[in-house]
């Protein structure tokens, strides 16, 4: 699941490019990049807690932003660090539907080296596109 941090896009925030052979791989790569910003060693996490996320949107771009925002929600509201265990995206009648099973554990300072505190996933310089190799996205995080 490839991603690359970009320091040439923004100076005050954190930017990354994620890619995948399909939409699902792209979303998982982006989630992992976000997790690696929030904690120094983003994996593997113990599967002590499971969460399910169901989202839908008319835009694949906005679906990715909403999905990544779920990681921030679980971290900030419940202290959970979660990895993507399973993820599927379907499209019917111009609506994208995402269902993900997340697994992880409560943040533990003795086991997880804190990274950068991410406040939000932004639309600043956001890009999601289909490429010859699959999908690619550029994401800027407000820190």
N, C-alpha and C. Protein backbone atom coordinates (compact mmCIF):
# COMPACT_ATOMS: atom_id res chain seq x y z
N UNK A 1 0.85 -1.17 0.00
CA UNK A 1 0.00 0.00 0.00
C UNK A 1 0.89 1.23 0.00
N UNK A 2 1.18 1.73 -1.13
CA UNK A 2 2.15 2.81 -1.21
C UNK A 2 1.56 4.18 -0.89
N UNK A 3 2.39 4.97 -0.21
CA UNK A 3 2.11 6.38 -0.03
C UNK A 3 3.44 7.09 0.15
N UNK A 4 3.44 8.39 -0.11
CA UNK A 4 4.63 9.21 -0.07
C UNK A 4 4.28 10.54 0.57
N UNK A 5 5.04 10.93 1.60
CA UNK A 5 4.80 12.22 2.21
C UNK A 5 5.40 13.30 1.33
N UNK A 6 4.68 14.42 1.18
CA UNK A 6 5.09 15.52 0.30
C UNK A 6 5.33 16.76 1.12
N UNK A 7 6.56 17.27 1.11
CA UNK A 7 6.85 18.51 1.82
C UNK A 7 6.90 19.71 0.90
N UNK A 8 6.56 19.51 -0.37
CA UNK A 8 6.56 20.61 -1.34
C UNK A 8 5.17 21.18 -1.61
N UNK A 9 4.16 20.69 -0.92
CA UNK A 9 2.78 21.14 -1.15
C UNK A 9 2.37 22.19 -0.13
N UNK A 10 2.74 21.97 1.11
CA UNK A 10 2.34 22.87 2.17
C UNK A 10 3.44 22.95 3.22
N UNK A 11 3.55 24.07 3.87
CA UNK A 11 4.60 24.25 4.86
C UNK A 11 4.10 24.06 6.28
N UNK A 12 2.88 24.40 6.54
CA UNK A 12 2.36 24.35 7.91
C UNK A 12 1.60 23.06 8.20
N UNK A 13 1.26 22.31 7.20
CA UNK A 13 0.47 21.11 7.36
C UNK A 13 1.26 19.90 6.87
N UNK A 14 0.63 18.75 6.85
CA UNK A 14 1.26 17.52 6.37
C UNK A 14 0.51 17.07 5.12
N UNK A 15 1.24 16.76 4.07
CA UNK A 15 0.63 16.29 2.82
C UNK A 15 1.20 14.93 2.45
N UNK A 16 0.36 14.12 1.82
CA UNK A 16 0.84 12.83 1.31
C UNK A 16 0.12 12.48 0.03
N UNK A 17 0.74 11.61 -0.74
CA UNK A 17 0.12 11.01 -1.92
C UNK A 17 -0.04 9.54 -1.63
N UNK A 18 -1.22 9.02 -1.88
CA UNK A 18 -1.49 7.60 -1.71
C UNK A 18 -1.93 7.03 -3.05
N UNK A 19 -1.70 5.75 -3.24
CA UNK A 19 -2.11 5.12 -4.49
C UNK A 19 -2.54 3.69 -4.23
N UNK A 20 -3.23 3.14 -5.21
CA UNK A 20 -3.67 1.76 -5.13
C UNK A 20 -4.12 1.27 -6.49
N UNK A 21 -4.10 -0.03 -6.67
CA UNK A 21 -4.54 -0.61 -7.95
C UNK A 21 -6.04 -0.44 -8.17
N UNK A 22 -6.77 -0.26 -7.07
CA UNK A 22 -8.22 -0.04 -7.16
C UNK A 22 -8.62 0.95 -6.07
N UNK A 23 -9.90 1.27 -6.02
CA UNK A 23 -10.37 2.25 -5.04
C UNK A 23 -10.11 1.79 -3.61
N UNK A 24 -10.36 0.51 -3.36
CA UNK A 24 -10.18 -0.02 -2.02
C UNK A 24 -8.72 0.10 -1.56
N UNK A 25 -7.78 -0.27 -2.42
CA UNK A 25 -6.37 -0.15 -2.05
C UNK A 25 -5.98 1.30 -1.81
N UNK A 26 -6.50 2.21 -2.61
CA UNK A 26 -6.22 3.63 -2.41
C UNK A 26 -6.69 4.07 -1.03
N UNK A 27 -7.91 3.73 -0.67
CA UNK A 27 -8.47 4.16 0.61
C UNK A 27 -7.66 3.57 1.78
N UNK A 28 -7.25 2.31 1.67
CA UNK A 28 -6.45 1.68 2.72
C UNK A 28 -5.08 2.35 2.82
N UNK A 29 -4.47 2.65 1.69
CA UNK A 29 -3.17 3.33 1.69
C UNK A 29 -3.26 4.70 2.33
N UNK A 30 -4.30 5.45 2.01
CA UNK A 30 -4.49 6.77 2.59
C UNK A 30 -4.71 6.67 4.11
N UNK A 31 -5.50 5.69 4.53
CA UNK A 31 -5.74 5.48 5.97
C UNK A 31 -4.42 5.19 6.68
N UNK A 32 -3.59 4.33 6.08
CA UNK A 32 -2.32 3.97 6.71
C UNK A 32 -1.38 5.18 6.78
N UNK A 33 -1.38 6.00 5.74
CA UNK A 33 -0.56 7.21 5.78
C UNK A 33 -1.00 8.12 6.92
N UNK A 34 -2.30 8.30 7.08
CA UNK A 34 -2.82 9.12 8.18
C UNK A 34 -2.43 8.53 9.53
N UNK A 35 -2.55 7.23 9.67
CA UNK A 35 -2.17 6.57 10.92
C UNK A 35 -0.68 6.78 11.21
N UNK A 36 0.14 6.73 10.17
CA UNK A 36 1.58 6.93 10.35
C UNK A 36 1.94 8.37 10.70
N UNK A 37 1.05 9.30 10.43
CA UNK A 37 1.26 10.68 10.88
C UNK A 37 0.91 10.77 12.37
N UNK A 38 -0.16 10.12 12.77
CA UNK A 38 -0.65 10.23 14.15
C UNK A 38 0.21 9.49 15.15
N UNK A 39 0.82 8.38 14.74
CA UNK A 39 1.74 7.64 15.61
C UNK A 39 2.98 7.32 14.80
N UNK A 40 4.13 7.35 15.46
CA UNK A 40 5.40 7.16 14.76
C UNK A 40 5.52 5.80 14.09
N UNK A 41 5.03 4.77 14.75
CA UNK A 41 5.07 3.43 14.17
C UNK A 41 3.62 2.98 14.03
N UNK A 42 3.04 3.19 12.85
CA UNK A 42 1.62 2.97 12.63
C UNK A 42 1.15 1.55 12.55
N UNK A 43 1.97 0.60 12.81
CA UNK A 43 1.48 -0.76 12.74
C UNK A 43 2.53 -1.74 13.23
N UNK A 44 2.19 -2.97 13.45
CA UNK A 44 0.79 -3.42 13.49
C UNK A 44 0.15 -3.13 14.84
N UNK A 45 -1.12 -2.91 14.80
CA UNK A 45 -1.88 -2.68 16.01
C UNK A 45 -2.53 -3.99 16.44
N UNK A 46 -2.64 -4.19 17.74
CA UNK A 46 -3.34 -5.37 18.22
C UNK A 46 -4.83 -5.21 17.97
N UNK A 47 -5.47 -6.29 17.58
CA UNK A 47 -6.90 -6.26 17.25
C UNK A 47 -7.74 -6.52 18.50
N UNK A 48 -7.79 -5.53 19.36
CA UNK A 48 -8.55 -5.64 20.60
C UNK A 48 -9.95 -5.07 20.48
N UNK A 49 -10.13 -4.13 19.56
CA UNK A 49 -11.42 -3.46 19.36
C UNK A 49 -11.76 -3.47 17.89
N UNK A 50 -13.00 -3.76 17.58
CA UNK A 50 -13.47 -3.76 16.19
C UNK A 50 -14.54 -2.68 16.03
N UNK A 51 -14.48 -1.99 14.92
CA UNK A 51 -15.49 -0.99 14.57
C UNK A 51 -15.89 -1.21 13.12
N UNK A 52 -17.13 -0.87 12.81
CA UNK A 52 -17.62 -0.92 11.44
C UNK A 52 -18.00 0.49 11.02
N UNK A 53 -17.62 0.85 9.81
CA UNK A 53 -17.94 2.17 9.27
C UNK A 53 -18.74 1.96 7.99
N UNK A 54 -19.88 2.62 7.89
CA UNK A 54 -20.71 2.64 6.69
C UNK A 54 -20.87 4.08 6.27
N UNK A 55 -20.41 4.41 5.07
CA UNK A 55 -20.51 5.78 4.55
C UNK A 55 -21.03 5.74 3.13
N UNK A 56 -21.63 6.83 2.71
CA UNK A 56 -22.01 6.97 1.30
C UNK A 56 -21.92 8.43 0.89
N UNK A 57 -21.63 8.61 -0.42
CA UNK A 57 -21.52 9.95 -0.95
C UNK A 57 -21.64 9.88 -2.46
N UNK A 58 -22.07 10.96 -3.07
CA UNK A 58 -22.15 11.03 -4.53
C UNK A 58 -20.77 11.21 -5.14
N UNK A 59 -19.80 11.61 -4.34
CA UNK A 59 -18.45 11.89 -4.81
C UNK A 59 -17.45 10.92 -4.16
N UNK A 60 -16.63 10.28 -4.97
CA UNK A 60 -15.59 9.42 -4.44
C UNK A 60 -14.57 10.24 -3.64
N UNK A 61 -14.31 11.46 -4.09
CA UNK A 61 -13.39 12.34 -3.39
C UNK A 61 -13.88 12.64 -1.98
N UNK A 62 -15.14 13.04 -1.86
CA UNK A 62 -15.69 13.37 -0.54
C UNK A 62 -15.85 12.12 0.33
N UNK A 63 -16.03 10.97 -0.31
CA UNK A 63 -16.09 9.72 0.43
C UNK A 63 -14.73 9.43 1.08
N UNK A 64 -13.64 9.67 0.36
CA UNK A 64 -12.31 9.46 0.94
C UNK A 64 -12.08 10.41 2.11
N UNK A 65 -12.46 11.67 1.97
CA UNK A 65 -12.28 12.62 3.07
C UNK A 65 -13.10 12.20 4.28
N UNK A 66 -14.33 11.77 4.06
CA UNK A 66 -15.18 11.33 5.18
C UNK A 66 -14.59 10.08 5.84
N UNK A 67 -14.06 9.19 5.04
CA UNK A 67 -13.47 7.96 5.58
C UNK A 67 -12.25 8.28 6.45
N UNK A 68 -11.37 9.11 5.96
CA UNK A 68 -10.19 9.48 6.73
C UNK A 68 -10.59 10.25 8.00
N UNK A 69 -11.64 11.03 7.92
CA UNK A 69 -12.11 11.77 9.09
C UNK A 69 -12.60 10.82 10.19
N UNK A 70 -13.03 9.63 9.81
CA UNK A 70 -13.44 8.63 10.80
C UNK A 70 -12.26 8.22 11.69
N UNK A 71 -11.06 8.14 11.11
CA UNK A 71 -9.87 7.80 11.90
C UNK A 71 -9.64 8.85 12.97
N UNK A 72 -9.82 10.11 12.60
CA UNK A 72 -9.65 11.20 13.57
C UNK A 72 -10.73 11.16 14.64
N UNK A 73 -11.95 10.86 14.21
CA UNK A 73 -13.06 10.77 15.16
C UNK A 73 -12.79 9.70 16.21
N UNK A 74 -12.40 8.49 15.77
CA UNK A 74 -12.16 7.41 16.73
C UNK A 74 -10.98 7.73 17.64
N UNK A 75 -9.95 8.37 17.11
CA UNK A 75 -8.79 8.73 17.94
C UNK A 75 -9.18 9.78 18.97
N UNK A 76 -9.88 10.82 18.52
CA UNK A 76 -10.21 11.93 19.42
C UNK A 76 -11.34 11.62 20.39
N UNK A 77 -12.33 10.86 19.97
CA UNK A 77 -13.49 10.63 20.84
C UNK A 77 -13.33 9.40 21.73
N UNK A 78 -12.61 8.38 21.26
CA UNK A 78 -12.51 7.14 22.03
C UNK A 78 -11.07 6.73 22.33
N UNK A 79 -10.10 7.50 21.83
CA UNK A 79 -8.70 7.16 22.06
C UNK A 79 -8.26 5.92 21.32
N UNK A 80 -8.93 5.60 20.21
CA UNK A 80 -8.64 4.38 19.47
C UNK A 80 -7.73 4.63 18.28
N UNK A 81 -6.79 3.73 18.10
CA UNK A 81 -5.97 3.67 16.89
C UNK A 81 -6.41 2.43 16.13
N UNK A 82 -6.88 2.63 14.92
CA UNK A 82 -7.48 1.53 14.17
C UNK A 82 -6.83 1.39 12.81
N UNK A 83 -6.68 0.14 12.38
CA UNK A 83 -6.23 -0.18 11.02
C UNK A 83 -7.43 -0.72 10.25
N UNK A 84 -7.32 -0.68 8.94
CA UNK A 84 -8.38 -1.21 8.11
C UNK A 84 -8.19 -2.72 7.99
N UNK A 85 -9.20 -3.46 8.42
CA UNK A 85 -9.18 -4.92 8.34
C UNK A 85 -9.79 -5.40 7.03
N UNK A 86 -10.92 -4.79 6.68
CA UNK A 86 -11.61 -5.09 5.41
C UNK A 86 -12.26 -3.81 4.92
N UNK A 87 -12.34 -3.66 3.60
CA UNK A 87 -12.97 -2.47 3.04
C UNK A 87 -13.54 -2.81 1.67
N UNK A 88 -14.76 -2.35 1.44
CA UNK A 88 -15.35 -2.50 0.11
C UNK A 88 -16.05 -1.20 -0.27
N UNK A 89 -15.99 -0.90 -1.56
CA UNK A 89 -16.66 0.28 -2.11
C UNK A 89 -17.50 -0.19 -3.29
N UNK A 90 -18.77 0.16 -3.24
CA UNK A 90 -19.66 -0.16 -4.35
C UNK A 90 -20.25 1.13 -4.89
N UNK A 91 -20.73 1.07 -6.11
CA UNK A 91 -21.36 2.23 -6.73
C UNK A 91 -22.65 1.79 -7.39
N UNK A 92 -23.74 2.41 -6.96
CA UNK A 92 -25.04 2.17 -7.59
C UNK A 92 -25.76 3.50 -7.74
N UNK A 93 -26.30 3.71 -8.91
CA UNK A 93 -27.06 4.92 -9.20
C UNK A 93 -26.31 6.18 -8.78
N UNK A 94 -25.02 6.25 -9.13
CA UNK A 94 -24.16 7.40 -8.87
C UNK A 94 -23.96 7.71 -7.39
N UNK A 95 -24.10 6.70 -6.55
CA UNK A 95 -23.81 6.83 -5.12
C UNK A 95 -22.72 5.81 -4.79
N UNK A 96 -21.66 6.31 -4.17
CA UNK A 96 -20.59 5.43 -3.71
C UNK A 96 -20.87 5.04 -2.27
N UNK A 97 -20.79 3.75 -1.99
CA UNK A 97 -21.02 3.24 -0.64
C UNK A 97 -19.76 2.52 -0.16
N UNK A 98 -19.36 2.86 1.04
CA UNK A 98 -18.17 2.26 1.64
C UNK A 98 -18.58 1.52 2.89
N UNK A 99 -18.04 0.35 3.04
CA UNK A 99 -18.21 -0.43 4.27
C UNK A 99 -16.82 -0.91 4.67
N UNK A 100 -16.44 -0.58 5.89
CA UNK A 100 -15.12 -0.97 6.36
C UNK A 100 -15.21 -1.59 7.75
N UNK A 101 -14.39 -2.59 7.94
CA UNK A 101 -14.22 -3.16 9.28
C UNK A 101 -12.83 -2.73 9.75
N UNK A 102 -12.80 -2.09 10.89
CA UNK A 102 -11.57 -1.56 11.45
C UNK A 102 -11.22 -2.34 12.70
N UNK A 103 -9.94 -2.52 12.93
CA UNK A 103 -9.49 -3.25 14.12
C UNK A 103 -8.30 -2.53 14.71
N UNK A 104 -8.25 -2.48 16.03
CA UNK A 104 -7.12 -1.83 16.67
C UNK A 104 -7.23 -1.84 18.17
N UNK A 105 -6.63 -0.81 18.77
CA UNK A 105 -6.54 -0.78 20.21
C UNK A 105 -6.54 0.65 20.72
N UNK A 106 -6.68 0.78 22.01
CA UNK A 106 -6.64 2.08 22.65
C UNK A 106 -5.20 2.59 22.66
N UNK A 107 -5.06 3.88 22.41
CA UNK A 107 -3.74 4.50 22.44
C UNK A 107 -3.09 4.26 23.79
N UNK A 108 -1.85 3.80 23.77
CA UNK A 108 -1.09 3.52 24.98
C UNK A 108 0.29 4.16 24.82
N UNK A 109 0.53 5.22 25.58
CA UNK A 109 1.78 5.98 25.44
C UNK A 109 3.02 5.09 25.64
N UNK A 110 2.91 4.03 26.40
CA UNK A 110 4.06 3.16 26.62
C UNK A 110 4.36 2.28 25.41
N UNK A 111 3.38 2.11 24.52
CA UNK A 111 3.57 1.26 23.34
C UNK A 111 3.54 2.04 22.02
N UNK A 112 2.90 3.19 22.00
CA UNK A 112 2.74 3.95 20.77
C UNK A 112 3.46 5.29 20.88
N UNK A 113 4.42 5.48 20.03
CA UNK A 113 5.16 6.74 20.00
C UNK A 113 4.28 7.80 19.35
N UNK A 114 3.92 8.87 20.09
CA UNK A 114 3.02 9.86 19.50
C UNK A 114 3.67 10.55 18.30
N UNK A 115 2.86 10.79 17.30
CA UNK A 115 3.30 11.51 16.11
C UNK A 115 2.76 12.92 16.15
N UNK A 116 2.23 13.35 15.03
CA UNK A 116 1.68 14.69 14.90
C UNK A 116 0.18 14.64 15.17
N UNK A 117 -0.30 15.61 15.93
CA UNK A 117 -1.73 15.68 16.22
C UNK A 117 -2.44 16.26 15.00
N UNK A 118 -3.24 15.45 14.35
CA UNK A 118 -3.97 15.88 13.16
C UNK A 118 -5.33 16.40 13.60
N UNK A 119 -5.66 17.61 13.14
CA UNK A 119 -6.94 18.23 13.49
C UNK A 119 -8.03 17.90 12.48
N UNK A 120 -7.65 17.84 11.18
CA UNK A 120 -8.67 17.63 10.15
C UNK A 120 -8.04 17.20 8.84
N UNK A 121 -8.85 16.55 8.03
CA UNK A 121 -8.52 16.25 6.63
C UNK A 121 -9.10 17.40 5.83
N UNK A 122 -8.30 18.01 4.96
CA UNK A 122 -8.75 19.22 4.28
C UNK A 122 -8.99 19.00 2.79
N UNK A 123 -9.62 19.99 2.18
CA UNK A 123 -9.79 20.02 0.73
C UNK A 123 -8.65 20.78 0.05
N UNK A 124 -7.76 21.36 0.83
CA UNK A 124 -6.64 22.14 0.30
C UNK A 124 -5.73 21.23 -0.53
N UNK A 125 -5.57 21.54 -1.80
CA UNK A 125 -4.76 20.77 -2.75
C UNK A 125 -5.22 19.32 -2.89
N UNK A 126 -6.43 19.00 -2.43
CA UNK A 126 -6.92 17.63 -2.52
C UNK A 126 -7.11 17.23 -3.98
N UNK A 127 -6.72 16.02 -4.27
CA UNK A 127 -6.88 15.49 -5.63
C UNK A 127 -7.06 13.98 -5.54
N UNK A 128 -8.00 13.45 -6.29
CA UNK A 128 -8.17 12.01 -6.45
C UNK A 128 -8.40 11.78 -7.93
N UNK A 129 -7.60 10.87 -8.49
CA UNK A 129 -7.75 10.63 -9.92
C UNK A 129 -7.48 9.17 -10.26
N UNK A 130 -8.05 8.79 -11.36
CA UNK A 130 -7.77 7.46 -11.91
C UNK A 130 -6.52 7.57 -12.75
N UNK A 131 -5.61 6.62 -12.60
CA UNK A 131 -4.36 6.61 -13.34
C UNK A 131 -4.24 5.31 -14.13
N UNK A 132 -3.20 5.20 -14.93
CA UNK A 132 -2.96 3.97 -15.68
C UNK A 132 -2.73 2.79 -14.73
N UNK A 133 -2.17 3.06 -13.55
CA UNK A 133 -1.89 2.00 -12.58
C UNK A 133 -3.03 1.76 -11.60
N UNK A 134 -4.08 2.58 -11.62
CA UNK A 134 -5.20 2.43 -10.70
C UNK A 134 -5.75 3.76 -10.25
N UNK A 135 -5.48 4.12 -8.99
CA UNK A 135 -5.98 5.37 -8.42
C UNK A 135 -4.86 6.05 -7.63
N UNK A 136 -4.95 7.37 -7.56
CA UNK A 136 -3.98 8.17 -6.82
C UNK A 136 -4.72 9.32 -6.14
N UNK A 137 -4.25 9.69 -4.95
CA UNK A 137 -4.86 10.82 -4.24
C UNK A 137 -3.78 11.62 -3.54
N UNK A 138 -3.96 12.93 -3.52
CA UNK A 138 -3.13 13.84 -2.74
C UNK A 138 -4.00 14.39 -1.62
N UNK A 139 -3.52 14.28 -0.38
CA UNK A 139 -4.29 14.67 0.79
C UNK A 139 -3.44 15.60 1.67
N UNK A 140 -4.04 16.69 2.13
CA UNK A 140 -3.38 17.60 3.06
C UNK A 140 -4.12 17.52 4.39
N UNK A 141 -3.34 17.34 5.45
CA UNK A 141 -3.89 17.24 6.80
C UNK A 141 -3.59 18.52 7.57
N UNK A 142 -4.59 19.06 8.23
CA UNK A 142 -4.42 20.22 9.09
C UNK A 142 -3.88 19.74 10.43
N UNK A 143 -2.70 20.24 10.80
CA UNK A 143 -2.07 19.79 12.05
C UNK A 143 -1.89 20.96 13.01
